[in-house]
């Protein structure tokens, strides 16, 4: 069983930045594709960004150019750098790790963008 622990959420003003972190409890972290999802109140969970074991990235259209996903395999950690945050980015952000049929989720971290 792999545990994923997110951190870095909080309250930020529109136009501000945050960095989310997700630490994984596995020494085989490098083989996992890692993703960030988010779920706003009353909405379905959506994929925000993903990074493969090889380092290829993909982003939702709504965050392209503002968010950057990265990983540090030496620290078993994936990051989500979020810039130019807007109120519509308010959501619970979840870390996800996938390797074939193995699929793990973190507990989520709240991001609130408000003045």
Protein backbone atom coordinates (compact mmCIF):
# COMPACT_ATOMS: atom_id res chain seq x y z
CA UNK A 1 0.00 0.00 0.00
CA UNK A 2 1.31 3.43 -0.96
CA UNK A 3 0.46 6.48 1.07
CA UNK A 4 0.33 9.90 -0.55
CA UNK A 5 0.40 12.98 1.66
CA UNK A 6 -0.35 16.40 0.19
CA UNK A 7 0.66 19.73 1.68
CA UNK A 8 0.91 23.37 0.69
CA UNK A 9 -2.72 24.35 0.30
CA UNK A 10 -4.21 27.45 1.82
CA UNK A 11 -5.84 30.80 1.22
CA UNK A 12 -4.37 33.04 -1.46
CA UNK A 13 -5.48 36.23 -3.15
CA UNK A 14 -6.34 36.29 -6.87
CA UNK A 15 -3.16 36.54 -8.90
CA UNK A 16 -1.14 34.82 -6.20
CA UNK A 17 0.87 31.62 -6.20
CA UNK A 18 1.05 28.40 -4.25
CA UNK A 19 3.14 25.25 -4.42
CA UNK A 20 1.53 21.95 -3.56
CA UNK A 21 3.64 18.96 -2.58
CA UNK A 22 2.77 15.28 -2.47
CA UNK A 23 5.10 12.88 -0.68
CA UNK A 24 4.85 9.16 -1.46
CA UNK A 25 5.69 6.34 0.91
CA UNK A 26 7.27 4.06 -1.65
CA UNK A 27 10.84 3.54 -2.75
CA UNK A 28 9.48 2.68 -6.21
CA UNK A 29 8.11 6.21 -6.66
CA UNK A 30 9.98 6.73 -9.93
CA UNK A 31 7.92 4.11 -11.78
CA UNK A 32 4.60 5.78 -10.98
CA UNK A 33 2.76 8.21 -13.18
CA UNK A 34 1.72 11.03 -10.87
CA UNK A 35 -1.26 13.31 -11.26
CA UNK A 36 -2.98 16.21 -9.59
CA UNK A 37 -6.78 16.32 -9.61
CA UNK A 38 -9.13 18.85 -8.10
CA UNK A 39 -12.74 18.91 -7.02
CA UNK A 40 -14.70 22.07 -6.49
CA UNK A 41 -17.96 22.08 -4.49
CA UNK A 42 -20.79 20.62 -6.54
CA UNK A 43 -18.48 19.60 -9.39
CA UNK A 44 -16.85 16.39 -10.53
CA UNK A 45 -13.22 15.66 -9.83
CA UNK A 46 -11.10 16.75 -12.78
CA UNK A 47 -7.55 16.09 -13.90
CA UNK A 48 -5.40 19.20 -13.54
CA UNK A 49 -1.93 17.95 -14.51
CA UNK A 50 0.01 14.74 -14.91
CA UNK A 51 3.63 13.64 -15.20
CA UNK A 52 4.79 10.25 -16.42
CA UNK A 53 7.64 8.19 -15.03
CA UNK A 54 9.68 9.51 -17.94
CA UNK A 55 8.89 13.13 -17.15
CA UNK A 56 6.34 13.90 -19.87
CA UNK A 57 3.66 16.30 -18.71
CA UNK A 58 0.09 17.14 -19.63
CA UNK A 59 -2.28 19.85 -18.40
CA UNK A 60 -5.93 20.74 -18.42
CA UNK A 61 -6.62 23.59 -20.82
CA UNK A 62 -7.81 25.74 -17.94
CA UNK A 63 -4.40 25.72 -16.24
CA UNK A 64 -1.98 25.64 -19.19
CA UNK A 65 0.61 28.37 -18.87
CA UNK A 66 -0.21 28.94 -15.19
CA UNK A 67 0.46 25.60 -13.47
CA UNK A 68 3.58 23.44 -13.66
CA UNK A 69 3.88 19.85 -12.46
CA UNK A 70 7.28 18.46 -11.55
CA UNK A 71 8.72 15.52 -9.67
CA UNK A 72 11.78 14.82 -7.57
CA UNK A 73 12.33 11.07 -7.56
CA UNK A 74 15.11 11.36 -4.99
CA UNK A 75 12.58 12.83 -2.55
CA UNK A 76 9.62 10.66 -3.65
CA UNK A 77 7.71 13.90 -4.17
CA UNK A 78 5.59 15.48 -6.88
CA UNK A 79 4.86 19.20 -6.96
CA UNK A 80 2.25 21.47 -8.47
CA UNK A 81 3.40 25.04 -8.92
CA UNK A 82 0.36 27.27 -9.34
CA UNK A 83 0.68 30.86 -10.56
CA UNK A 84 -1.88 33.52 -11.45
CA UNK A 85 -4.47 31.81 -9.30
CA UNK A 86 -8.08 32.73 -9.85
CA UNK A 87 -11.24 32.17 -7.77
CA UNK A 88 -12.25 29.37 -10.15
CA UNK A 89 -9.14 27.46 -9.06
CA UNK A 90 -10.69 27.06 -5.60
CA UNK A 91 -11.02 23.35 -4.89
CA UNK A 92 -9.68 20.43 -2.94
CA UNK A 93 -6.56 19.24 -4.74
CA UNK A 94 -5.75 15.53 -4.72
CA UNK A 95 -2.53 13.73 -5.51
CA UNK A 96 -2.81 10.48 -7.47
CA UNK A 97 -0.26 7.81 -8.28
CA UNK A 98 -0.75 5.12 -10.92
CA UNK A 99 1.23 2.07 -12.01
CA UNK A 100 -0.70 -0.47 -14.05
CA UNK A 101 -3.60 -1.56 -11.80
CA UNK A 102 -2.17 0.20 -8.76
CA UNK A 103 -4.00 3.46 -8.17
CA UNK A 104 -3.50 5.53 -5.03
CA UNK A 105 -4.97 8.80 -3.73
CA UNK A 106 -3.98 11.31 -1.14
CA UNK A 107 -6.40 12.85 1.33
CA UNK A 108 -6.54 16.18 -0.46
CA UNK A 109 -5.51 19.73 0.39
CA UNK A 110 -7.79 22.76 0.20
CA UNK A 111 -6.87 25.67 -2.05
CA UNK A 112 -9.00 28.79 -1.69
CA UNK A 113 -8.50 31.79 -3.95
CA UNK A 114 -10.29 34.81 -2.58
CA UNK A 115 -9.75 38.47 -1.82
